Amino acid sequence: MNPRDDKLCVESIKQIMAIFGGKWSFVIIGELHSGAKHFNELNKNLGISTKSLSDALKSLESNGVVTRTVYSTPPIKVEYSLTDKGRDFEEVFIAMREWGSKWLKEDV
């Protein structure tokens, strides 16, 4: 790889980490790969604080990875799902999981 390509690669990685680098981003994306979820369902399944979940969802939404749909029928419900951009990340997510299975300790 030439120095120009190296620089482009580093810049791309910086941009990707700005989008997906939050502490809970990968966990949330993994949970949403199985389908749309309501906030309370995500909160219960992931076991993280409501503030952390809310902040992470807002970040993922502002980066176009997650979409937030509000249903105004009583009671009002909010549902989160992956956008095309978020679903397109699935192959990377699978590769990371496979790498983790190979190289990380099982007791982690």
PDB file of N, CA and C in Angstrom:
ATOM      1  N   MET A   1       0.851  -1.175   0.000  1.00  0.00           N
ATOM      2  CA  MET A   1       0.000   0.000   0.000  1.00  0.00           C
ATOM      3  C   MET A   1       0.898   1.239   0.000  1.00  0.00           C
ATOM      4  N   ASN A   2       0.579   2.174  -0.860  1.00  0.00           N
ATOM      5  CA  ASN A   2       1.403   3.386  -0.906  1.00  0.00           C
ATOM      6  C   ASN A   2       0.960   4.377   0.176  1.00  0.00           C
ATOM      7  N   PRO A   3       1.788   5.365   0.495  1.00  0.00           N
ATOM      8  CA  PRO A   3       1.471   6.307   1.580  1.00  0.00           C
ATOM      9  C   PRO A   3       0.124   7.010   1.404  1.00  0.00           C
ATOM     10  N   ARG A   4      -0.261   7.328   0.184  1.00  0.00           N
ATOM     11  CA  ARG A   4      -1.561   7.981  -0.057  1.00  0.00           C
ATOM     12  C   ARG A   4      -2.702   7.048   0.335  1.00  0.00           C
ATOM     13  N   ASP A   5      -2.586   5.769  -0.054  1.00  0.00           N
ATOM     14  CA  ASP A   5      -3.603   4.789   0.317  1.00  0.00           C
ATOM     15  C   ASP A   5      -3.643   4.587   1.830  1.00  0.00           C
ATOM     16  N   ASP A   6      -2.469   4.573   2.464  1.00  0.00           N
ATOM     17  CA  ASP A   6      -2.407   4.455   3.924  1.00  0.00           C
ATOM     18  C   ASP A   6      -3.168   5.596   4.589  1.00  0.00           C
ATOM     19  N   LYS A   7      -2.959   6.807   4.094  1.00  0.00           N
ATOM     20  CA  LYS A   7      -3.621   7.980   4.673  1.00  0.00           C
ATOM     21  C   LYS A   7      -5.133   7.893   4.479  1.00  0.00           C
ATOM     22  N   LEU A   8      -5.578   7.466   3.292  1.00  0.00           N
ATOM     23  CA  LEU A   8      -7.012   7.311   3.039  1.00  0.00           C
ATOM     24  C   LEU A   8      -7.607   6.238   3.941  1.00  0.00           C
ATOM     25  N   CYS A   9      -6.868   5.167   4.149  1.00  0.00           N
ATOM     26  CA  CYS A   9      -7.326   4.085   5.017  1.00  0.00           C
ATOM     27  C   CYS A   9      -7.489   4.580   6.450  1.00  0.00           C
ATOM     28  N   VAL A  10      -6.506   5.301   6.940  1.00  0.00           N
ATOM     29  CA  VAL A  10      -6.566   5.844   8.301  1.00  0.00           C
ATOM     30  C   VAL A  10      -7.741   6.805   8.437  1.00  0.00           C
ATOM     31  N   GLU A  11      -7.952   7.653   7.460  1.00  0.00           N
ATOM     32  CA  GLU A  11      -9.067   8.604   7.506  1.00  0.00           C
ATOM     33  C   GLU A  11     -10.406   7.870   7.489  1.00  0.00           C
ATOM     34  N   SER A  12     -10.516   6.833   6.676  1.00  0.00           N
ATOM     35  CA  SER A  12     -11.747   6.043   6.633  1.00  0.00           C
ATOM     36  C   SER A  12     -12.023   5.399   7.984  1.00  0.00           C
ATOM     37  N   ILE A  13     -10.987   4.842   8.592  1.00  0.00           N
ATOM     38  CA  ILE A  13     -11.151   4.202   9.899  1.00  0.00           C
ATOM     39  C   ILE A  13     -11.570   5.226  10.945  1.00  0.00           C
ATOM     40  N   LYS A  14     -11.007   6.414  10.908  1.00  0.00           N
ATOM     41  CA  LYS A  14     -11.405   7.473  11.846  1.00  0.00           C
ATOM     42  C   LYS A  14     -12.884   7.806  11.691  1.00  0.00           C
ATOM     43  N   GLN A  15     -13.344   7.911  10.446  1.00  0.00           N
ATOM     44  CA  GLN A  15     -14.753   8.230  10.198  1.00  0.00           C
ATOM     45  C   GLN A  15     -15.662   7.099  10.673  1.00  0.00           C
ATOM     46  N   ILE A  16     -15.253   5.867  10.411  1.00  0.00           N
ATOM     47  CA  ILE A  16     -16.047   4.717  10.845  1.00  0.00           C
ATOM     48  C   ILE A  16     -16.128   4.673  12.368  1.00  0.00           C
ATOM     49  N   MET A  17     -15.008   4.913  13.041  1.00  0.00           N
ATOM     50  CA  MET A  17     -15.009   4.897  14.502  1.00  0.00           C
ATOM     51  C   MET A  17     -15.839   6.042  15.075  1.00  0.00           C
ATOM     52  N   ALA A  18     -15.914   7.158  14.377  1.00  0.00           N
ATOM     53  CA  ALA A  18     -16.763   8.260  14.831  1.00  0.00           C
ATOM     54  C   ALA A  18     -18.229   7.839  14.801  1.00  0.00           C
ATOM     55  N   ILE A  19     -18.586   6.997  13.858  1.00  0.00           N
ATOM     56  CA  ILE A  19     -19.969   6.532  13.747  1.00  0.00           C
ATOM     57  C   ILE A  19     -20.244   5.379  14.706  1.00  0.00           C
ATOM     58  N   PHE A  20     -19.365   4.389  14.723  1.00  0.00           N
ATOM     59  CA  PHE A  20     -19.623   3.146  15.448  1.00  0.00           C
ATOM     60  C   PHE A  20     -18.803   2.981  16.721  1.00  0.00           C
ATOM     61  N   GLY A  21     -18.003   3.974  17.082  1.00  0.00           N
ATOM     62  CA  GLY A  21     -17.066   3.814  18.175  1.00  0.00           C
ATOM     63  C   GLY A  21     -17.617   3.979  19.573  1.00  0.00           C
ATOM     64  N   GLY A  22     -18.887   4.318  19.700  1.00  0.00           N
ATOM     65  CA  GLY A  22     -19.463   4.459  21.031  1.00  0.00           C
ATOM     66  C   GLY A  22     -19.445   3.136  21.781  1.00  0.00           C
ATOM     67  N   LYS A  23     -19.378   3.222  23.091  1.00  0.00           N
ATOM     68  CA  LYS A  23     -19.263   2.027  23.935  1.00  0.00           C
ATOM     69  C   LYS A  23     -20.345   0.988  23.639  1.00  0.00           C
ATOM     70  N   TRP A  24     -21.565   1.429  23.360  1.00  0.00           N
ATOM     71  CA  TRP A  24     -22.690   0.513  23.200  1.00  0.00           C
ATOM     72  C   TRP A  24     -23.135   0.329  21.756  1.00  0.00           C
ATOM     73  N   SER A  25     -22.506   1.002  20.825  1.00  0.00           N
ATOM     74  CA  SER A  25     -22.970   0.980  19.432  1.00  0.00           C
ATOM     75  C   SER A  25     -23.071  -0.427  18.853  1.00  0.00           C
ATOM     76  N   PHE A  26     -22.009  -1.215  18.978  1.00  0.00           N
ATOM     77  CA  PHE A  26     -22.025  -2.552  18.386  1.00  0.00           C
ATOM     78  C   PHE A  26     -23.069  -3.448  19.040  1.00  0.00           C
ATOM     79  N   VAL A  27     -23.237  -3.313  20.345  1.00  0.00           N
ATOM     80  CA  VAL A  27     -24.218  -4.128  21.060  1.00  0.00           C
ATOM     81  C   VAL A  27     -25.627  -3.783  20.579  1.00  0.00           C
ATOM     82  N   ILE A  28     -25.909  -2.502  20.416  1.00  0.00           N
ATOM     83  CA  ILE A  28     -27.224  -2.061  19.940  1.00  0.00           C
ATOM     84  C   ILE A  28     -27.456  -2.538  18.516  1.00  0.00           C
ATOM     85  N   ILE A  29     -26.465  -2.365  17.655  1.00  0.00           N
ATOM     86  CA  ILE A  29     -26.594  -2.811  16.266  1.00  0.00           C
ATOM     87  C   ILE A  29     -26.833  -4.316  16.215  1.00  0.00           C
ATOM     88  N   GLY A  30     -26.108  -5.062  17.025  1.00  0.00           N
ATOM     89  CA  GLY A  30     -26.306  -6.507  17.084  1.00  0.00           C
ATOM     90  C   GLY A  30     -27.719  -6.870  17.500  1.00  0.00           C
ATOM     91  N   GLU A  31     -28.249  -6.158  18.466  1.00  0.00           N
ATOM     92  CA  GLU A  31     -29.618  -6.409  18.937  1.00  0.00           C
ATOM     93  C   GLU A  31     -30.641  -6.069  17.857  1.00  0.00           C
ATOM     94  N   LEU A  32     -30.399  -5.013  17.102  1.00  0.00           N
ATOM     95  CA  LEU A  32     -31.350  -4.586  16.069  1.00  0.00           C
ATOM     96  C   LEU A  32     -31.256  -5.418  14.792  1.00  0.00           C
ATOM     97  N   HIS A  33     -30.202  -6.215  14.646  1.00  0.00           N
ATOM     98  CA  HIS A  33     -30.103  -7.073  13.459  1.00  0.00           C
ATOM     99  C   HIS A  33     -31.218  -8.106  13.429  1.00  0.00           C
ATOM    100  N   SER A  34     -31.771  -8.452  14.577  1.00  0.00           N
ATOM    101  CA  SER A  34     -32.864  -9.425  14.609  1.00  0.00           C
ATOM    102  C   SER A  34     -34.217  -8.777  14.354  1.00  0.00           C
ATOM    103  N   GLY A  35     -34.240  -7.450  14.209  1.00  0.00           N
ATOM    104  CA  GLY A  35     -35.488  -6.748  13.906  1.00  0.00           C
ATOM    105  C   GLY A  35     -35.681  -5.519  14.771  1.00  0.00           C
ATOM    106  N   ALA A  36     -36.707  -4.753  14.432  1.00  0.00           N
ATOM    107  CA  ALA A  36     -37.013  -3.508  15.137  1.00  0.00           C
ATOM    108  C   ALA A  36     -37.353  -3.793  16.597  1.00  0.00           C
ATOM    109  N   LYS A  37     -36.980  -2.848  17.452  1.00  0.00           N
ATOM    110  CA  LYS A  37     -37.234  -2.999  18.890  1.00  0.00           C
ATOM    111  C   LYS A  37     -37.701  -1.675  19.477  1.00  0.00           C
ATOM    112  N   HIS A  38     -38.528  -1.765  20.518  1.00  0.00           N
ATOM    113  CA  HIS A  38     -38.935  -0.590  21.282  1.00  0.00           C
ATOM    114  C   HIS A  38     -37.825  -0.259  22.281  1.00  0.00           C
ATOM    115  N   PHE A  39     -37.800   0.987  22.723  1.00  0.00           N
ATOM    116  CA  PHE A  39     -36.754   1.444  23.639  1.00  0.00           C
ATOM    117  C   PHE A  39     -36.674   0.552  24.874  1.00  0.00           C
ATOM    118  N   ASN A  40     -37.825   0.300  25.519  1.00  0.00           N
ATOM    119  CA  ASN A  40     -37.817  -0.499  26.753  1.00  0.00           C
ATOM    120  C   ASN A  40     -37.330  -1.925  26.507  1.00  0.00           C
ATOM    121  N   GLU A  41     -37.641  -2.455  25.341  1.00  0.00           N
ATOM    122  CA  GLU A  41     -37.181  -3.799  24.987  1.00  0.00           C
ATOM    123  C   GLU A  41     -35.652  -3.816  24.845  1.00  0.00           C
ATOM    124  N   LEU A  42     -35.109  -2.803  24.172  1.00  0.00           N
ATOM    125  CA  LEU A  42     -33.654  -2.690  24.054  1.00  0.00           C
ATOM    126  C   LEU A  42     -33.022  -2.540  25.433  1.00  0.00           C
ATOM    127  N   ASN A  43     -33.618  -1.687  26.244  1.00  0.00           N
ATOM    128  CA  ASN A  43     -33.089  -1.426  27.578  1.00  0.00           C
ATOM    129  C   ASN A  43     -33.056  -2.701  28.413  1.00  0.00           C
ATOM    130  N   LYS A  44     -34.128  -3.463  28.364  1.00  0.00           N
ATOM    131  CA  LYS A  44     -34.215  -4.712  29.124  1.00  0.00           C
ATOM    132  C   LYS A  44     -33.224  -5.750  28.585  1.00  0.00           C
ATOM    133  N   ASN A  45     -33.176  -5.912  27.265  1.00  0.00           N
ATOM    134  CA  ASN A  45     -32.313  -6.929  26.657  1.00  0.00           C
ATOM    135  C   ASN A  45     -30.830  -6.634  26.839  1.00  0.00           C
ATOM    136  N   LEU A  46     -30.475  -5.354  26.824  1.00  0.00           N
ATOM    137  CA  LEU A  46     -29.062  -4.981  26.870  1.00  0.00           C
ATOM    138  C   LEU A  46     -28.562  -4.703  28.279  1.00  0.00           C
ATOM    139  N   GLY A  47     -29.472  -4.346  29.177  1.00  0.00           N
ATOM    140  CA  GLY A  47     -29.084  -4.104  30.562  1.00  0.00           C
ATOM    141  C   GLY A  47     -28.172  -2.912  30.755  1.00  0.00           C
ATOM    142  N   ILE A  48     -28.386  -1.863  29.983  1.00  0.00           N
ATOM    143  CA  ILE A  48     -27.589  -0.644  30.149  1.00  0.00           C
ATOM    144  C   ILE A  48     -28.494   0.467  30.650  1.00  0.00           C
ATOM    145  N   SER A  49     -27.912   1.518  31.163  1.00  0.00           N
ATOM    146  CA  SER A  49     -28.721   2.606  31.705  1.00  0.00           C
ATOM    147  C   SER A  49     -29.535   3.268  30.593  1.00  0.00           C
ATOM    148  N   THR A  50     -30.661   3.828  30.971  1.00  0.00           N
ATOM    149  CA  THR A  50     -31.516   4.481  29.977  1.00  0.00           C
ATOM    150  C   THR A  50     -30.800   5.661  29.331  1.00  0.00           C
ATOM    151  N   LYS A  51     -29.988   6.378  30.097  1.00  0.00           N
ATOM    152  CA  LYS A  51     -29.250   7.513  29.529  1.00  0.00           C
ATOM    153  C   LYS A  51     -28.228   7.042  28.501  1.00  0.00           C
ATOM    154  N   SER A  52     -27.480   6.001  28.834  1.00  0.00           N
ATOM    155  CA  SER A  52     -26.487   5.469  27.893  1.00  0.00           C
ATOM    156  C   SER A  52     -27.155   4.974  26.619  1.00  0.00           C
ATOM    157  N   LEU A  53     -28.268   4.274  26.776  1.00  0.00           N
ATOM    158  CA  LEU A  53     -28.997   3.770  25.612  1.00  0.00           C
ATOM    159  C   LEU A  53     -29.537   4.918  24.775  1.00  0.00           C
ATOM    160  N   SER A  54     -30.147   5.887  25.432  1.00  0.00           N
ATOM    161  CA  SER A  54     -30.697   7.041  24.728  1.00  0.00           C
ATOM    162  C   SER A  54     -29.615   7.799  23.963  1.00  0.00           C
ATOM    163  N   ASP A  55     -28.491   8.045  24.615  1.00  0.00           N
ATOM    164  CA  ASP A  55     -27.380   8.756  23.963  1.00  0.00           C
ATOM    165  C   ASP A  55     -26.850   7.979  22.761  1.00  0.00           C
ATOM    166  N   ALA A  56     -26.677   6.672  22.932  1.00  0.00           N
ATOM    167  CA  ALA A  56     -26.147   5.846  21.842  1.00  0.00           C
ATOM    168  C   ALA A  56     -27.119   5.796  20.667  1.00  0.00           C
ATOM    169  N   LEU A  57     -28.413   5.656  20.958  1.00  0.00           N
ATOM    170  CA  LEU A  57     -29.412   5.626  19.885  1.00  0.00           C
ATOM    171  C   LEU A  57     -29.454   6.954  19.136  1.00  0.00           C
ATOM    172  N   LYS A  58     -29.371   8.063  19.872  1.00  0.00           N
ATOM    173  CA  LYS A  58     -29.353   9.382  19.220  1.00  0.00           C
ATOM    174  C   LYS A  58     -28.148   9.516  18.298  1.00  0.00           C
ATOM    175  N   SER A  59     -27.001   9.052  18.745  1.00  0.00           N
ATOM    176  CA  SER A  59     -25.792   9.117  17.932  1.00  0.00           C
ATOM    177  C   SER A  59     -25.928   8.251  16.683  1.00  0.00           C
ATOM    178  N   LEU A  60     -26.398   7.025  16.851  1.00  0.00           N
ATOM    179  CA  LEU A  60     -26.577   6.135  15.707  1.00  0.00           C
ATOM    180  C   LEU A  60     -27.623   6.680  14.739  1.00  0.00           C
ATOM    181  N   GLU A  61     -28.666   7.296  15.284  1.00  0.00           N
ATOM    182  CA  GLU A  61     -29.692   7.898  14.429  1.00  0.00           C
ATOM    183  C   GLU A  61     -29.126   9.093  13.657  1.00  0.00           C
ATOM    184  N   SER A  62     -28.380   9.945  14.329  1.00  0.00           N
ATOM    185  CA  SER A  62     -27.827  11.129  13.659  1.00  0.00           C
ATOM    186  C   SER A  62     -26.795  10.750  12.596  1.00  0.00           C
ATOM    187  N   ASN A  63     -26.204   9.564  12.724  1.00  0.00           N
ATOM    188  CA  ASN A  63     -25.248   9.082  11.729  1.00  0.00           C
ATOM    189  C   ASN A  63     -25.897   8.210  10.652  1.00  0.00           C
ATOM    190  N   GLY A  64     -27.223   8.108  10.696  1.00  0.00           N
ATOM    191  CA  GLY A  64     -27.947   7.395   9.646  1.00  0.00           C
ATOM    192  C   GLY A  64     -27.881   5.887   9.721  1.00  0.00           C
ATOM    193  N   VAL A  65     -27.550   5.344  10.894  1.00  0.00           N
ATOM    194  CA  VAL A  65     -27.429   3.900  11.066  1.00  0.00           C
ATOM    195  C   VAL A  65     -28.730   3.305  11.600  1.00  0.00           C
ATOM    196  N   VAL A  66     -29.419   4.069  12.430  1.00  0.00           N
ATOM    197  CA  VAL A  66     -30.662   3.642  13.071  1.00  0.00           C
ATOM    198  C   VAL A  66     -31.749   4.652  12.728  1.00  0.00           C
ATOM    199  N   THR A  67     -32.952   4.148  12.561  1.00  0.00           N
ATOM    200  CA  THR A  67     -34.088   5.039  12.358  1.00  0.00           C
ATOM    201  C   THR A  67     -35.039   4.904  13.542  1.00  0.00           C
ATOM    202  N   ARG A  68     -35.653   6.005  13.892  1.00  0.00           N
ATOM    203  CA  ARG A  68     -36.586   6.071  15.026  1.00  0.00           C
ATOM    204  C   ARG A  68     -37.968   6.352  14.456  1.00  0.00           C
ATOM    205  N   THR A  69     -38.918   5.461  14.739  1.00  0.00           N
ATOM    206  CA  THR A  69     -40.286   5.618  14.253  1.00  0.00           C
ATOM    207  C   THR A  69     -41.211   5.786  15.447  1.00  0.00           C
ATOM    208  N   VAL A  70     -42.002   6.858  15.422  1.00  0.00           N
ATOM    209  CA  VAL A  70     -42.952   7.130  16.501  1.00  0.00           C
ATOM    210  C   VAL A  70     -44.344   6.766  16.009  1.00  0.00           C
ATOM    211  N   TYR A  71     -45.037   5.920  16.772  1.00  0.00           N
ATOM    212  CA  TYR A  71     -46.417   5.549  16.479  1.00  0.00           C
ATOM    213  C   TYR A  71     -47.305   6.322  17.437  1.00  0.00           C
ATOM    214  N   SER A  72     -48.170   7.153  16.895  1.00  0.00           N
ATOM    215  CA  SER A  72     -48.959   8.063  17.734  1.00  0.00           C
ATOM    216  C   SER A  72     -50.232   7.442  18.283  1.00  0.00           C
ATOM    217  N   THR A  73     -50.495   6.186  17.984  1.00  0.00           N
ATOM    218  CA  THR A  73     -51.678   5.546  18.543  1.00  0.00           C
ATOM    219  C   THR A  73     -51.466   5.328  20.037  1.00  0.00           C
ATOM    220  N   PRO A  74     -52.531   5.554  20.831  1.00  0.00           N
ATOM    221  CA  PRO A  74     -52.367   5.400  22.280  1.00  0.00           C
ATOM    222  C   PRO A  74     -52.097   3.943  22.655  1.00  0.00           C
ATOM    223  N   PRO A  75     -51.159   3.682  23.512  1.00  0.00           N
ATOM    224  CA  PRO A  75     -50.138   4.610  23.984  1.00  0.00           C
ATOM    225  C   PRO A  75     -49.098   4.850  22.882  1.00  0.00           C
ATOM    226  N   ILE A  76     -48.461   6.007  22.936  1.00  0.00           N
ATOM    227  CA  ILE A  76     -47.437   6.345  21.951  1.00  0.00           C
ATOM    228  C   ILE A  76     -46.272   5.364  22.106  1.00  0.00           C
ATOM    229  N   LYS A  77     -45.827   4.826  20.986  1.00  0.00           N
ATOM    230  CA  LYS A  77     -44.709   3.879  21.008  1.00  0.00           C
ATOM    231  C   LYS A  77     -43.615   4.376  20.078  1.00  0.00           C
ATOM    232  N   VAL A  78     -42.390   4.130  20.474  1.00  0.00           N
ATOM    233  CA  VAL A  78     -41.223   4.480  19.663  1.00  0.00           C
ATOM    234  C   VAL A  78     -40.478   3.189  19.357  1.00  0.00           C
ATOM    235  N   GLU A  79     -40.160   3.021  18.087  1.00  0.00           N
ATOM    236  CA  GLU A  79     -39.487   1.809  17.641  1.00  0.00           C
ATOM    237  C   GLU A  79     -38.191   2.177  16.921  1.00  0.00           C
ATOM    238  N   TYR A  80     -37.163   1.406  17.163  1.00  0.00           N
ATOM    239  CA  TYR A  80     -35.862   1.629  16.531  1.00  0.00           C
ATOM    240  C   TYR A  80     -35.546   0.457  15.612  1.00  0.00           C
ATOM    241  N   SER A  81     -35.006   0.783  14.450  1.00  0.00           N
ATOM    242  CA  SER A  81     -34.600  -0.256  13.503  1.00  0.00           C
ATOM    243  C   SER A  81     -33.374   0.220  12.738  1.00  0.00           C
ATOM    244  N   LEU A  82     -32.716  -0.721  12.088  1.00  0.00           N
ATOM    245  CA  LEU A  82     -31.541  -0.382  11.297  1.00  0.00           C
ATOM    246  C   LEU A  82     -31.966   0.188   9.951  1.00  0.00           C
ATOM    247  N   THR A  83     -31.241   1.167   9.494  1.00  0.00           N
ATOM    248  CA  THR A  83     -31.427   1.702   8.148  1.00  0.00           C
ATOM    249  C   THR A  83     -30.664   0.787   7.181  1.00  0.00           C
ATOM    250  N   ASP A  84     -30.752   1.077   5.897  1.00  0.00           N
ATOM    251  CA  ASP A  84     -29.958   0.328   4.920  1.00  0.00           C
ATOM    252  C   ASP A  84     -28.474   0.418   5.270  1.00  0.00           C
ATOM    253  N   LYS A  85     -28.056   1.598   5.691  1.00  0.00           N
ATOM    254  CA  LYS A  85     -26.656   1.814   6.084  1.00  0.00           C
ATOM    255  C   LYS A  85     -26.288   0.907   7.264  1.00  0.00           C
ATOM    256  N   GLY A  86     -27.178   0.784   8.230  1.00  0.00           N
ATOM    257  CA  GLY A  86     -26.932  -0.077   9.386  1.00  0.00           C
ATOM    258  C   GLY A  86     -26.935  -1.549   9.025  1.00  0.00           C
ATOM    259  N   ARG A  87     -27.890  -1.952   8.171  1.00  0.00           N
ATOM    260  CA  ARG A  87     -27.946  -3.354   7.746  1.00  0.00           C
ATOM    261  C   ARG A  87     -26.730  -3.724   6.902  1.00  0.00           C
ATOM    262  N   ASP A  88     -26.224  -2.769   6.142  1.00  0.00           N
ATOM    263  CA  ASP A  88     -25.063  -3.022   5.295  1.00  0.00           C
ATOM    264  C   ASP A  88     -23.812  -3.312   6.125  1.00  0.00           C
ATOM    265  N   PHE A  89     -23.832  -2.942   7.377  1.00  0.00           N
ATOM    266  CA  PHE A  89     -22.703  -3.172   8.282  1.00  0.00           C
ATOM    267  C   PHE A  89     -22.665  -4.616   8.791  1.00  0.00           C
ATOM    268  N   GLU A  90     -23.700  -5.399   8.483  1.00  0.00           N
ATOM    269  CA  GLU A  90     -23.819  -6.747   9.030  1.00  0.00           C
ATOM    270  C   GLU A  90     -22.609  -7.628   8.712  1.00  0.00           C
ATOM    271  N   GLU A  91     -22.083  -7.551   7.499  1.00  0.00           N
ATOM    272  CA  GLU A  91     -20.935  -8.382   7.146  1.00  0.00           C
ATOM    273  C   GLU A  91     -19.721  -8.050   8.018  1.00  0.00           C
ATOM    274  N   VAL A  92     -19.535  -6.779   8.297  1.00  0.00           N
ATOM    275  CA  VAL A  92     -18.432  -6.359   9.166  1.00  0.00           C
ATOM    276  C   VAL A  92     -18.676  -6.888  10.580  1.00  0.00           C
ATOM    277  N   PHE A  93     -19.907  -6.790  11.023  1.00  0.00           N
ATOM    278  CA  PHE A  93     -20.293  -7.258  12.352  1.00  0.00           C
ATOM    279  C   PHE A  93     -20.015  -8.757  12.488  1.00  0.00           C
ATOM    280  N   ILE A  94     -20.385  -9.528  11.470  1.00  0.00           N
ATOM    281  CA  ILE A  94     -20.154 -10.979  11.479  1.00  0.00           C
ATOM    282  C   ILE A  94     -18.659 -11.275  11.498  1.00  0.00           C
ATOM    283  N   ALA A  95     -17.893 -10.554  10.693  1.00  0.00           N
ATOM    284  CA  ALA A  95     -16.438 -10.749  10.664  1.00  0.00           C
ATOM    285  C   ALA A  95     -15.826 -10.451  12.028  1.00  0.00           C
ATOM    286  N   MET A  96     -16.304  -9.419  12.699  1.00  0.00           N
ATOM    287  CA  MET A  96     -15.795  -9.081  14.032  1.00  0.00           C
ATOM    288  C   MET A  96     -16.139 -10.178  15.032  1.00  0.00           C
ATOM    289  N   ARG A  97     -17.355 -10.706  14.942  1.00  0.00           N
ATOM    290  CA  ARG A  97     -17.769 -11.778  15.845  1.00  0.00           C
ATOM    291  C   ARG A  97     -16.902 -13.022  15.619  1.00  0.00           C
ATOM    292  N   GLU A  98     -16.637 -13.343  14.350  1.00  0.00           N
ATOM    293  CA  GLU A  98     -15.797 -14.501  14.042  1.00  0.00           C
ATOM    294  C   GLU A  98     -14.369 -14.294  14.548  1.00  0.00           C
ATOM    295  N   TRP A  99     -13.848 -13.087  14.385  1.00  0.00           N
ATOM    296  CA  TRP A  99     -12.514 -12.782  14.887  1.00  0.00           C
ATOM    297  C   TRP A  99     -12.484 -12.951  16.407  1.00  0.00           C
ATOM    298  N   GLY A 100     -13.521 -12.445  17.073  1.00  0.00           N
ATOM    299  CA  GLY A 100     -13.604 -12.570  18.525  1.00  0.00           C
ATOM    300  C   GLY A 100     -13.673 -14.020  18.972  1.00  0.00           C
ATOM    301  N   SER A 101     -14.439 -14.832  18.252  1.00  0.00           N
ATOM    302  CA  SER A 101     -14.533 -16.256  18.589  1.00  0.00           C
ATOM    303  C   SER A 101     -13.188 -16.949  18.464  1.00  0.00           C
ATOM    304  N   LYS A 102     -12.408 -16.510  17.507  1.00  0.00           N
ATOM    305  CA  LYS A 102     -11.104 -17.133  17.277  1.00  0.00           C
ATOM    306  C   LYS A 102     -10.046 -16.662  18.269  1.00  0.00           C
ATOM    307  N   TRP A 103     -10.038 -15.381  18.594  1.00  0.00           N
ATOM    308  CA  TRP A 103      -8.912 -14.803  19.310  1.00  0.00           C
ATOM    309  C   TRP A 103      -9.178 -14.369  20.753  1.00  0.00           C
ATOM    310  N   LEU A 104     -10.403 -14.219  21.142  1.00  0.00           N
ATOM    311  CA  LEU A 104     -10.672 -13.755  22.504  1.00  0.00           C
ATOM    312  C   LEU A 104     -10.890 -14.936  23.431  1.00  0.00           C
ATOM    313  N   LYS A 105     -10.551 -14.742  24.688  1.00  0.00           N
ATOM    314  CA  LYS A 105     -10.741 -15.785  25.685  1.00  0.00           C
ATOM    315  C   LYS A 105     -12.223 -16.063  25.840  1.00  0.00           C
ATOM    316  N   GLU A 106     -12.563 -17.326  26.078  1.00  0.00           N
ATOM    317  CA  GLU A 106     -13.963 -17.705  26.229  1.00  0.00           C
ATOM    318  C   GLU A 106     -14.583 -17.166  27.505  1.00  0.00           C
ATOM    319  N   ASP A 107     -13.789 -16.899  28.522  1.00  0.00           N
ATOM    320  CA  ASP A 107     -14.329 -16.444  29.801  1.00  0.00           C
ATOM    321  C   ASP A 107     -14.585 -14.945  29.839  1.00  0.00           C
ATOM    322  N   VAL A 108     -14.443 -14.253  28.710  1.00  0.00           N
ATOM    323  CA  VAL A 108     -14.661 -12.802  28.665  1.00  0.00           C
ATOM    324  C   VAL A 108     -16.128 -12.518  28.623  1.00  0.00           C
TER     325      VAL A 108
END
